[in-house]
Each structure stands twice: as C-alpha cells, then as structure tokens.
Amino acid sequence: MSKLQQRLMKELQHNRHVKIVKSNEWCIPIRTVEVTYEPIRRATMDVLMKMLLMSMQEADFQNAQELSELLLVDPLFIEDLVSLMARVRLIEQREGCYRLTAKGEQQLERGIFEEELDVKTANLLFSPCHHLFLPIGEDSIEEYDELPQPYRYVDKEAEQLEQFEETMMIAALQQENDESATAHTHIETIVKTEAKQINDIPCLEFILHDKEQDIVYARVWNTLLNQWDNTLEQQLSDKEQLRWRQEYL
C-alpha cells in the first residue's frame, strides 16, 4: 500500500502549484449480494420461423411433414423448429392443428424471438457509500492483513440493507452479460437475492491545495475500482471543504 501511496503522491504533485496538505487512509464496506435470476435470449426472428408462424396463422397443419411439403424444406429442420416453438410456447396444438399462442402472435408481429434460458446465479457488489452496485467482479476483492479505520461518512442504514431495488440489480446484471452481434441476453426477472458477507476496501485520501487557483480539494483512490473515486471525493468536499480552507489556508 505504501508503494501505491507514493506513486499517487508523485502523480498528484506533478503540477508544481499543487501541494498535498493532508493524507489519510480508511476503508469502505462492500456487500456481496447473491442474485438468482431468469435470463432471456432475444434475437431477430429468422425467416423460416416467420414463414412457419405465418403458415400456421393462415391454414390448418396437423404435423411437421405437411409444413415441410408446403415450404419445401427438409422435414428434420421443420421438426426441430416446431419442437422449439412449442417448447417456448409460441405455438400449441388445438383441435389437432397447430395454433399460435398469444405470445407467438406478439413475437411474430414484433419480429423478435425470445427464449427463456436456465435460471442463473451471480454475485454483485453493493457499496453503501455509493448507493449502487459497482461494475466489478467479486474476484477483484483482495485480502488484507491490516485495515485502516472505517470511512467517517459510511451510510449506516445502507450498510445494513439486505433487500435491494430490483431495477438496480437488473441493470447491474445486464451490464455484466456478454453480448454478441446476433443475440442478446436480457434479464427481466429476479428470482431471489441473498445478502452475504461485507468486505472492507481500503481507500487513500489526499487533501490538496492548488496555490495558483487558490482552491482546496480532495482526491480519493478506490483500491477496489483501481481508480480515482469521484463519488467519495464529492462527499468529502460537500462536508469538509469549509473546514479545509480554515485549517490549511
């Protein structure tokens, strides 16, 4: 940590008009939240699926063979696609013939195919000090033998949270999902959440005086994000800037 602090101090004082008037270390709490969710794969509906659905809208078909003969497509392809559409409830058999469900009608009209995937579980990192889930994985958390004192402005109420806004979790999960050019996985349903352990994350605080502009301000290095943390810097500035001017100028 001392090497990191030295590197940051050198970086901050690269401008000869800037002087570090105080430095400090403290840690913020980060809550691990296990989220179980139902993803949906969403893609543009292919031509053959559209043709099958439109054919079923316009005429009565009792089996895949009849559809194969109409469309001049290999029966195996038709059987596989009909089986898929039945499994995802785009079609059903009524009175011995294939019929579109309300879901099938809707997806055909939109030209978008949606497939419900297996339930998945992921761990998200919630920061009470930021009031949001951080865009970083759990494997980025490091173990420390010694930790500095807690951050003086920790939101104690947020730190004890065990229930989180669904829209916030969905947005965080969506950001983590891999995307491709042909298909996109969407998360629309959270099955359950479980608030787990809290890890303490060190941060390095520097109070600086810019002599040329005659301003005092804070820079905070978040070791979990491995970058300067504008949110924590703004919190310190809002609460302490008047005192800084009185104390350091």
C-alpha atoms as a PDB file:
ATOM      1  CA  MET A   1       0.000   0.000   0.000  1.00  0.00           C
ATOM      2  CA  SER A   2       2.888   2.369   0.752  1.00  0.00           C
ATOM      3  CA  LYS A   3       4.243   1.976  -2.800  1.00  0.00           C
ATOM      4  CA  LEU A   4       0.823   2.807  -4.196  1.00  0.00           C
ATOM      5  CA  GLN A   5       0.581   5.845  -1.927  1.00  0.00           C
ATOM      6  CA  GLN A   6       3.980   7.097  -3.041  1.00  0.00           C
ATOM      7  CA  ARG A   7       3.086   6.657  -6.707  1.00  0.00           C
ATOM      8  CA  LEU A   8      -0.174   8.568  -6.266  1.00  0.00           C
ATOM      9  CA  MET A   9       1.500  11.383  -4.324  1.00  0.00           C
ATOM     10  CA  LYS A  10       4.045  11.777  -7.100  1.00  0.00           C
ATOM     11  CA  GLU A  11       1.273  11.863  -9.684  1.00  0.00           C
ATOM     12  CA  LEU A  12      -0.771  14.439  -7.759  1.00  0.00           C
ATOM     13  CA  GLN A  13       2.187  16.777  -7.238  1.00  0.00           C
ATOM     14  CA  HIS A  14       3.292  16.653 -10.859  1.00  0.00           C
ATOM     15  CA  ASN A  15       1.866  20.184 -11.094  1.00  0.00           C
ATOM     16  CA  ARG A  16       4.282  22.380  -9.145  1.00  0.00           C
ATOM     17  CA  HIS A  17       1.409  24.582  -7.991  1.00  0.00           C
ATOM     18  CA  VAL A  18      -0.267  21.682  -6.188  1.00  0.00           C
ATOM     19  CA  LYS A  19       0.689  20.666  -2.661  1.00  0.00           C
ATOM     20  CA  ILE A  20      -0.649  17.779  -0.561  1.00  0.00           C
ATOM     21  CA  VAL A  21      -1.655  19.249   2.787  1.00  0.00           C
ATOM     22  CA  LYS A  22      -3.020  16.040   4.297  1.00  0.00           C
ATOM     23  CA  SER A  23      -3.212  12.338   3.504  1.00  0.00           C
ATOM     24  CA  ASN A  24      -5.313   9.656   5.134  1.00  0.00           C
ATOM     25  CA  GLU A  25      -6.364   6.018   4.798  1.00  0.00           C
ATOM     26  CA  TRP A  26      -9.724   4.455   5.551  1.00  0.00           C
ATOM     27  CA  CYS A  27     -11.916   1.653   4.271  1.00  0.00           C
ATOM     28  CA  ILE A  28     -15.428   1.430   2.879  1.00  0.00           C
ATOM     29  CA  PRO A  29     -17.783  -1.559   3.256  1.00  0.00           C
ATOM     30  CA  ILE A  30     -18.701  -3.603   0.196  1.00  0.00           C
ATOM     31  CA  ARG A  31     -21.578  -6.073   0.482  1.00  0.00           C
ATOM     32  CA  THR A  32     -21.648  -9.237  -1.626  1.00  0.00           C
ATOM     33  CA  VAL A  33     -25.186  -9.980  -2.848  1.00  0.00           C
ATOM     34  CA  GLU A  34     -26.035 -13.335  -4.424  1.00  0.00           C
ATOM     35  CA  VAL A  35     -28.711 -12.876  -7.094  1.00  0.00           C
ATOM     36  CA  THR A  36     -30.664 -15.670  -8.766  1.00  0.00           C
ATOM     37  CA  TYR A  37     -32.331 -14.564 -11.996  1.00  0.00           C
ATOM     38  CA  GLU A  38     -34.050 -15.735 -15.167  1.00  0.00           C
ATOM     39  CA  PRO A  39     -32.309 -14.626 -18.382  1.00  0.00           C
ATOM     40  CA  ILE A  40     -33.979 -14.387 -21.779  1.00  0.00           C
ATOM     41  CA  ARG A  41     -32.183 -14.701 -25.100  1.00  0.00           C
ATOM     42  CA  ARG A  42     -33.597 -12.193 -27.571  1.00  0.00           C
ATOM     43  CA  ALA A  43     -32.797 -12.210 -31.291  1.00  0.00           C
ATOM     44  CA  THR A  44     -34.255 -11.170 -34.632  1.00  0.00           C
ATOM     45  CA  MET A  45     -36.645 -13.898 -35.762  1.00  0.00           C
ATOM     46  CA  ASP A  46     -35.213 -15.887 -38.676  1.00  0.00           C
ATOM     47  CA  VAL A  47     -37.039 -16.194 -41.993  1.00  0.00           C
ATOM     48  CA  LEU A  48     -38.006 -19.866 -41.615  1.00  0.00           C
ATOM     49  CA  MET A  49     -39.586 -19.317 -38.205  1.00  0.00           C
ATOM     50  CA  LYS A  50     -41.584 -16.387 -39.587  1.00  0.00           C
ATOM     51  CA  MET A  51     -42.764 -18.488 -42.527  1.00  0.00           C
ATOM     52  CA  LEU A  52     -43.861 -21.314 -40.221  1.00  0.00           C
ATOM     53  CA  LEU A  53     -45.791 -18.998 -37.898  1.00  0.00           C
ATOM     54  CA  MET A  54     -47.453 -17.186 -40.791  1.00  0.00           C
ATOM     55  CA  SER A  55     -48.400 -20.507 -42.401  1.00  0.00           C
ATOM     56  CA  MET A  56     -49.980 -21.689 -39.148  1.00  0.00           C
ATOM     57  CA  GLN A  57     -51.936 -18.433 -38.979  1.00  0.00           C
ATOM     58  CA  GLU A  58     -53.405 -18.897 -42.439  1.00  0.00           C
ATOM     59  CA  ALA A  59     -54.081 -22.652 -42.673  1.00  0.00           C
ATOM     60  CA  ASP A  60     -54.526 -25.840 -40.661  1.00  0.00           C
ATOM     61  CA  PHE A  61     -51.470 -28.057 -40.318  1.00  0.00           C
ATOM     62  CA  GLN A  62     -51.507 -31.238 -38.266  1.00  0.00           C
ATOM     63  CA  ASN A  63     -47.822 -32.180 -38.420  1.00  0.00           C
ATOM     64  CA  ALA A  64     -44.335 -31.082 -39.478  1.00  0.00           C
ATOM     65  CA  GLN A  65     -44.478 -33.149 -42.660  1.00  0.00           C
ATOM     66  CA  GLU A  66     -47.311 -31.034 -44.071  1.00  0.00           C
ATOM     67  CA  LEU A  67     -45.352 -27.850 -43.329  1.00  0.00           C
ATOM     68  CA  SER A  68     -42.234 -29.356 -44.908  1.00  0.00           C
ATOM     69  CA  GLU A  69     -44.098 -30.131 -48.133  1.00  0.00           C
ATOM     70  CA  LEU A  70     -45.559 -26.622 -48.305  1.00  0.00           C
ATOM     71  CA  LEU A  71     -42.297 -24.784 -47.677  1.00  0.00           C
ATOM     72  CA  LEU A  72     -40.047 -27.273 -49.496  1.00  0.00           C
ATOM     73  CA  VAL A  73     -37.739 -27.540 -46.514  1.00  0.00           C
ATOM     74  CA  ASP A  74     -36.136 -30.698 -45.076  1.00  0.00           C
ATOM     75  CA  PRO A  75     -38.563 -32.276 -42.560  1.00  0.00           C
ATOM     76  CA  LEU A  76     -35.829 -32.536 -39.917  1.00  0.00           C
ATOM     77  CA  PHE A  77     -35.351 -28.752 -39.910  1.00  0.00           C
ATOM     78  CA  ILE A  78     -39.101 -28.242 -39.645  1.00  0.00           C
ATOM     79  CA  GLU A  79     -39.455 -30.778 -36.816  1.00  0.00           C
ATOM     80  CA  ASP A  80     -36.648 -29.174 -34.807  1.00  0.00           C
ATOM     81  CA  LEU A  81     -38.075 -25.675 -35.230  1.00  0.00           C
ATOM     82  CA  VAL A  82     -41.659 -26.731 -34.485  1.00  0.00           C
ATOM     83  CA  SER A  83     -40.407 -28.526 -31.361  1.00  0.00           C
ATOM     84  CA  LEU A  84     -38.555 -25.394 -30.249  1.00  0.00           C
ATOM     85  CA  MET A  85     -41.555 -23.129 -30.861  1.00  0.00           C
ATOM     86  CA  ALA A  86     -43.791 -25.492 -28.886  1.00  0.00           C
ATOM     87  CA  ARG A  87     -41.292 -25.660 -26.026  1.00  0.00           C
ATOM     88  CA  VAL A  88     -41.101 -21.876 -25.695  1.00  0.00           C
ATOM     89  CA  ARG A  89     -44.907 -21.658 -26.035  1.00  0.00           C
ATOM     90  CA  LEU A  90     -45.124 -19.802 -29.333  1.00  0.00           C
ATOM     91  CA  ILE A  91     -47.445 -22.486 -30.678  1.00  0.00           C
ATOM     92  CA  GLU A  92     -49.719 -25.191 -29.321  1.00  0.00           C
ATOM     93  CA  GLN A  93     -51.984 -27.870 -30.756  1.00  0.00           C
ATOM     94  CA  ARG A  94     -55.698 -27.206 -30.626  1.00  0.00           C
ATOM     95  CA  GLU A  95     -58.264 -29.444 -32.297  1.00  0.00           C
ATOM     96  CA  GLY A  96     -55.419 -31.445 -33.832  1.00  0.00           C
ATOM     97  CA  CYS A  97     -53.809 -28.467 -35.596  1.00  0.00           C
ATOM     98  CA  TYR A  98     -51.009 -26.047 -34.803  1.00  0.00           C
ATOM     99  CA  ARG A  99     -52.187 -22.677 -33.483  1.00  0.00           C
ATOM    100  CA  LEU A 100     -50.240 -19.597 -32.423  1.00  0.00           C
ATOM    101  CA  THR A 101     -50.440 -18.643 -28.772  1.00  0.00           C
ATOM    102  CA  ALA A 102     -50.849 -15.007 -27.720  1.00  0.00           C
ATOM    103  CA  LYS A 103     -47.088 -14.988 -27.100  1.00  0.00           C
ATOM    104  CA  GLY A 104     -46.481 -16.361 -30.603  1.00  0.00           C
ATOM    105  CA  GLU A 105     -48.726 -13.702 -32.168  1.00  0.00           C
ATOM    106  CA  GLN A 106     -46.896 -10.967 -30.280  1.00  0.00           C
ATOM    107  CA  GLN A 107     -43.395 -12.164 -31.177  1.00  0.00           C
ATOM    108  CA  LEU A 108     -44.317 -12.649 -34.845  1.00  0.00           C
ATOM    109  CA  GLU A 109     -45.699  -9.112 -35.016  1.00  0.00           C
ATOM    110  CA  ARG A 110     -42.514  -7.721 -33.480  1.00  0.00           C
ATOM    111  CA  GLY A 111     -40.214  -9.989 -35.485  1.00  0.00           C
ATOM    112  CA  ILE A 112     -38.301 -10.787 -32.295  1.00  0.00           C
ATOM    113  CA  PHE A 113     -37.746 -14.295 -30.935  1.00  0.00           C
ATOM    114  CA  GLU A 114     -37.375 -14.656 -27.159  1.00  0.00           C
ATOM    115  CA  GLU A 115     -36.230 -17.830 -25.448  1.00  0.00           C
ATOM    116  CA  GLU A 116     -36.255 -18.322 -21.684  1.00  0.00           C
ATOM    117  CA  LEU A 117     -32.906 -19.724 -20.525  1.00  0.00           C
ATOM    118  CA  ASP A 118     -31.980 -21.715 -17.433  1.00  0.00           C
ATOM    119  CA  VAL A 119     -32.005 -19.877 -14.103  1.00  0.00           C
ATOM    120  CA  LYS A 120     -28.581 -18.439 -13.229  1.00  0.00           C
ATOM    121  CA  THR A 121     -26.854 -17.112 -10.121  1.00  0.00           C
ATOM    122  CA  ALA A 122     -24.363 -14.248  -9.902  1.00  0.00           C
ATOM    123  CA  ASN A 123     -22.655 -12.272  -7.146  1.00  0.00           C
ATOM    124  CA  LEU A 124     -22.945  -8.478  -7.236  1.00  0.00           C
ATOM    125  CA  LEU A 125     -21.011  -5.985  -5.113  1.00  0.00           C
ATOM    126  CA  PHE A 126     -23.104  -3.286  -3.416  1.00  0.00           C
ATOM    127  CA  SER A 127     -21.465  -0.179  -1.979  1.00  0.00           C
ATOM    128  CA  PRO A 128     -23.478   1.600   0.742  1.00  0.00           C
ATOM    129  CA  CYS A 129     -21.263   4.668   0.278  1.00  0.00           C
ATOM    130  CA  HIS A 130     -22.143   4.899  -3.416  1.00  0.00           C
ATOM    131  CA  HIS A 131     -25.727   3.577  -3.078  1.00  0.00           C
ATOM    132  CA  LEU A 132     -25.206   1.352  -6.109  1.00  0.00           C
ATOM    133  CA  PHE A 133     -23.773  -1.921  -7.366  1.00  0.00           C
ATOM    134  CA  LEU A 134     -20.206  -1.471  -8.526  1.00  0.00           C
ATOM    135  CA  PRO A 135     -19.310  -2.557 -12.076  1.00  0.00           C
ATOM    136  CA  ILE A 136     -16.663  -5.035 -10.955  1.00  0.00           C
ATOM    137  CA  GLY A 137     -16.459  -8.735 -10.127  1.00  0.00           C
ATOM    138  CA  GLU A 138     -16.068 -10.390  -6.739  1.00  0.00           C
ATOM    139  CA  ASP A 139     -12.676 -11.796  -7.745  1.00  0.00           C
ATOM    140  CA  SER A 140     -11.302  -8.230  -7.629  1.00  0.00           C
ATOM    141  CA  ILE A 141     -11.599  -8.147  -3.827  1.00  0.00           C
ATOM    142  CA  GLU A 142      -8.227  -8.607  -2.143  1.00  0.00           C
ATOM    143  CA  GLU A 143      -7.454  -9.833   1.359  1.00  0.00           C
ATOM    144  CA  TYR A 144      -5.510  -7.502   3.659  1.00  0.00           C
ATOM    145  CA  ASP A 145      -3.696  -8.399   6.883  1.00  0.00           C
ATOM    146  CA  GLU A 146      -4.388  -4.973   8.357  1.00  0.00           C
ATOM    147  CA  LEU A 147      -7.072  -2.479   7.504  1.00  0.00           C
ATOM    148  CA  PRO A 148      -7.335   1.238   8.258  1.00  0.00           C
ATOM    149  CA  GLN A 149     -10.205   2.786  10.186  1.00  0.00           C
ATOM    150  CA  PRO A 150     -13.707   2.869   8.654  1.00  0.00           C
ATOM    151  CA  TYR A 151     -14.724   5.754   6.412  1.00  0.00           C
ATOM    152  CA  ARG A 152     -16.110   8.544   8.573  1.00  0.00           C
ATOM    153  CA  TYR A 153     -19.209   9.064   6.433  1.00  0.00           C
ATOM    154  CA  VAL A 154     -20.440   5.490   5.957  1.00  0.00           C
ATOM    155  CA  ASP A 155     -24.227   5.373   5.495  1.00  0.00           C
ATOM    156  CA  LYS A 156     -25.066   3.000   8.361  1.00  0.00           C
ATOM    157  CA  GLU A 157     -28.623   2.446   7.155  1.00  0.00           C
ATOM    158  CA  ALA A 158     -27.466   1.488   3.673  1.00  0.00           C
ATOM    159  CA  GLU A 159     -24.759  -0.724   5.194  1.00  0.00           C
ATOM    160  CA  GLN A 160     -27.420  -2.858   6.888  1.00  0.00           C
ATOM    161  CA  LEU A 161     -29.552  -3.269   3.758  1.00  0.00           C
ATOM    162  CA  GLU A 162     -30.496  -6.827   2.862  1.00  0.00           C
ATOM    163  CA  GLN A 163     -33.197  -6.033   0.284  1.00  0.00           C
ATOM    164  CA  PHE A 164     -32.304  -4.128  -2.881  1.00  0.00           C
ATOM    165  CA  GLU A 165     -34.195  -2.436  -5.696  1.00  0.00           C
ATOM    166  CA  GLU A 166     -34.917  -4.935  -8.448  1.00  0.00           C
ATOM    167  CA  THR A 167     -34.344  -2.406 -11.219  1.00  0.00           C
ATOM    168  CA  MET A 168     -30.902  -1.631  -9.803  1.00  0.00           C
ATOM    169  CA  MET A 169     -29.955  -5.328  -9.697  1.00  0.00           C
ATOM    170  CA  ILE A 170     -31.251  -5.958 -13.207  1.00  0.00           C
ATOM    171  CA  ALA A 171     -29.221  -3.023 -14.538  1.00  0.00           C
ATOM    172  CA  ALA A 172     -26.064  -4.355 -12.846  1.00  0.00           C
ATOM    173  CA  LEU A 173     -26.633  -7.888 -14.141  1.00  0.00           C
ATOM    174  CA  GLN A 174     -27.393  -6.612 -17.631  1.00  0.00           C
ATOM    175  CA  GLN A 175     -24.122  -4.717 -17.669  1.00  0.00           C
ATOM    176  CA  GLU A 176     -22.231  -7.907 -16.820  1.00  0.00           C
ATOM    177  CA  ASN A 177     -23.861 -10.029 -19.503  1.00  0.00           C
ATOM    178  CA  ASP A 178     -21.915 -10.867 -22.595  1.00  0.00           C
ATOM    179  CA  GLU A 179     -23.365  -9.537 -25.825  1.00  0.00           C
ATOM    180  CA  SER A 180     -22.993 -10.781 -29.382  1.00  0.00           C
ATOM    181  CA  ALA A 181     -23.897  -9.407 -32.794  1.00  0.00           C
ATOM    182  CA  THR A 182     -26.726 -11.886 -33.346  1.00  0.00           C
ATOM    183  CA  ALA A 183     -28.296 -12.418 -29.940  1.00  0.00           C
ATOM    184  CA  HIS A 184     -28.730 -10.505 -26.730  1.00  0.00           C
ATOM    185  CA  THR A 185     -29.390 -11.893 -23.274  1.00  0.00           C
ATOM    186  CA  HIS A 186     -31.858  -9.859 -21.241  1.00  0.00           C
ATOM    187  CA  ILE A 187     -32.709 -10.115 -17.555  1.00  0.00           C
ATOM    188  CA  GLU A 188     -36.298  -9.312 -16.691  1.00  0.00           C
ATOM    189  CA  THR A 189     -36.997 -11.417 -13.587  1.00  0.00           C
ATOM    190  CA  ILE A 190     -35.132 -11.674 -10.271  1.00  0.00           C
ATOM    191  CA  VAL A 191     -35.988 -14.966  -8.562  1.00  0.00           C
ATOM    192  CA  LYS A 192     -34.332 -14.292  -5.198  1.00  0.00           C
ATOM    193  CA  THR A 193     -31.494 -12.392  -3.529  1.00  0.00           C
ATOM    194  CA  GLU A 194     -29.326 -13.147  -0.529  1.00  0.00           C
ATOM    195  CA  ALA A 195     -27.154 -10.542   1.179  1.00  0.00           C
ATOM    196  CA  LYS A 196     -23.862 -12.134   2.157  1.00  0.00           C
ATOM    197  CA  GLN A 197     -20.575 -11.018   3.698  1.00  0.00           C
ATOM    198  CA  ILE A 198     -19.211  -7.481   3.898  1.00  0.00           C
ATOM    199  CA  ASN A 199     -15.620  -6.833   2.858  1.00  0.00           C
ATOM    200  CA  ASP A 200     -13.684  -3.721   3.837  1.00  0.00           C
ATOM    201  CA  ILE A 201     -11.957  -1.973   0.942  1.00  0.00           C
ATOM    202  CA  PRO A 202      -9.074   0.454   1.601  1.00  0.00           C
ATOM    203  CA  CYS A 203      -9.138   3.926   0.085  1.00  0.00           C
ATOM    204  CA  LEU A 204      -6.401   6.575   0.044  1.00  0.00           C
ATOM    205  CA  GLU A 205      -7.439  10.165   0.679  1.00  0.00           C
ATOM    206  CA  PHE A 206      -5.413  13.235  -0.264  1.00  0.00           C
ATOM    207  CA  ILE A 207      -6.321  16.846   0.504  1.00  0.00           C
ATOM    208  CA  LEU A 208      -4.638  19.197  -1.936  1.00  0.00           C
ATOM    209  CA  HIS A 209      -4.091  22.918  -2.198  1.00  0.00           C
ATOM    210  CA  ASP A 210      -3.730  24.453  -5.638  1.00  0.00           C
ATOM    211  CA  LYS A 211      -1.860  27.679  -4.969  1.00  0.00           C
ATOM    212  CA  GLU A 212      -2.424  29.073  -8.446  1.00  0.00           C
ATOM    213  CA  GLN A 213      -6.224  28.695  -8.331  1.00  0.00           C
ATOM    214  CA  ASP A 214      -6.384  29.081  -4.529  1.00  0.00           C
ATOM    215  CA  ILE A 215      -8.610  26.037  -4.055  1.00  0.00           C
ATOM    216  CA  VAL A 216      -8.543  23.105  -1.645  1.00  0.00           C
ATOM    217  CA  TYR A 217      -9.950  19.799  -2.861  1.00  0.00           C
ATOM    218  CA  ALA A 218      -9.888  16.034  -2.266  1.00  0.00           C
ATOM    219  CA  ARG A 219      -8.711  13.101  -4.335  1.00  0.00           C
ATOM    220  CA  VAL A 220      -9.644   9.571  -3.243  1.00  0.00           C
ATOM    221  CA  TRP A 221      -8.140   6.400  -4.702  1.00  0.00           C
ATOM    222  CA  ASN A 222     -10.501   3.412  -4.521  1.00  0.00           C
ATOM    223  CA  THR A 223      -8.360   0.241  -4.424  1.00  0.00           C
ATOM    224  CA  LEU A 224     -11.256  -1.995  -5.484  1.00  0.00           C
ATOM    225  CA  LEU A 225     -12.025   0.041  -8.607  1.00  0.00           C
ATOM    226  CA  ASN A 226      -8.308   0.819  -9.039  1.00  0.00           C
ATOM    227  CA  GLN A 227      -9.112   4.431  -9.934  1.00  0.00           C
ATOM    228  CA  TRP A 228      -9.926   7.843  -8.530  1.00  0.00           C
ATOM    229  CA  ASP A 229     -13.393   7.844  -6.990  1.00  0.00           C
ATOM    230  CA  ASN A 230     -15.370  10.975  -7.859  1.00  0.00           C
ATOM    231  CA  THR A 231     -18.322   9.994  -5.648  1.00  0.00           C
ATOM    232  CA  LEU A 232     -16.256   9.797  -2.466  1.00  0.00           C
ATOM    233  CA  GLU A 233     -14.343  12.934  -3.407  1.00  0.00           C
ATOM    234  CA  GLN A 234     -17.603  14.852  -3.776  1.00  0.00           C
ATOM    235  CA  GLN A 235     -18.881  13.567  -0.423  1.00  0.00           C
ATOM    236  CA  LEU A 236     -15.764  14.837   1.334  1.00  0.00           C
ATOM    237  CA  SER A 237     -15.901  18.162  -0.468  1.00  0.00           C
ATOM    238  CA  ASP A 238     -19.572  18.722   0.445  1.00  0.00           C
ATOM    239  CA  LYS A 239     -18.956  18.014   4.124  1.00  0.00           C
ATOM    240  CA  GLU A 240     -15.494  19.405   4.781  1.00  0.00           C
ATOM    241  CA  GLN A 241     -14.417  21.996   2.236  1.00  0.00           C
ATOM    242  CA  LEU A 242     -15.151  24.968   4.508  1.00  0.00           C
ATOM    243  CA  ARG A 243     -13.061  23.400   7.268  1.00  0.00           C
ATOM    244  CA  TRP A 244     -10.220  22.696   4.847  1.00  0.00           C
ATOM    245  CA  ARG A 245      -9.994  26.359   3.904  1.00  0.00           C
ATOM    246  CA  GLN A 246      -9.933  27.411   7.543  1.00  0.00           C
ATOM    247  CA  GLU A 247      -7.384  24.772   8.502  1.00  0.00           C
ATOM    248  CA  TYR A 248      -4.983  24.732   5.569  1.00  0.00           C
ATOM    249  CA  LEU A 249      -5.073  28.204   4.040  1.00  0.00           C
END
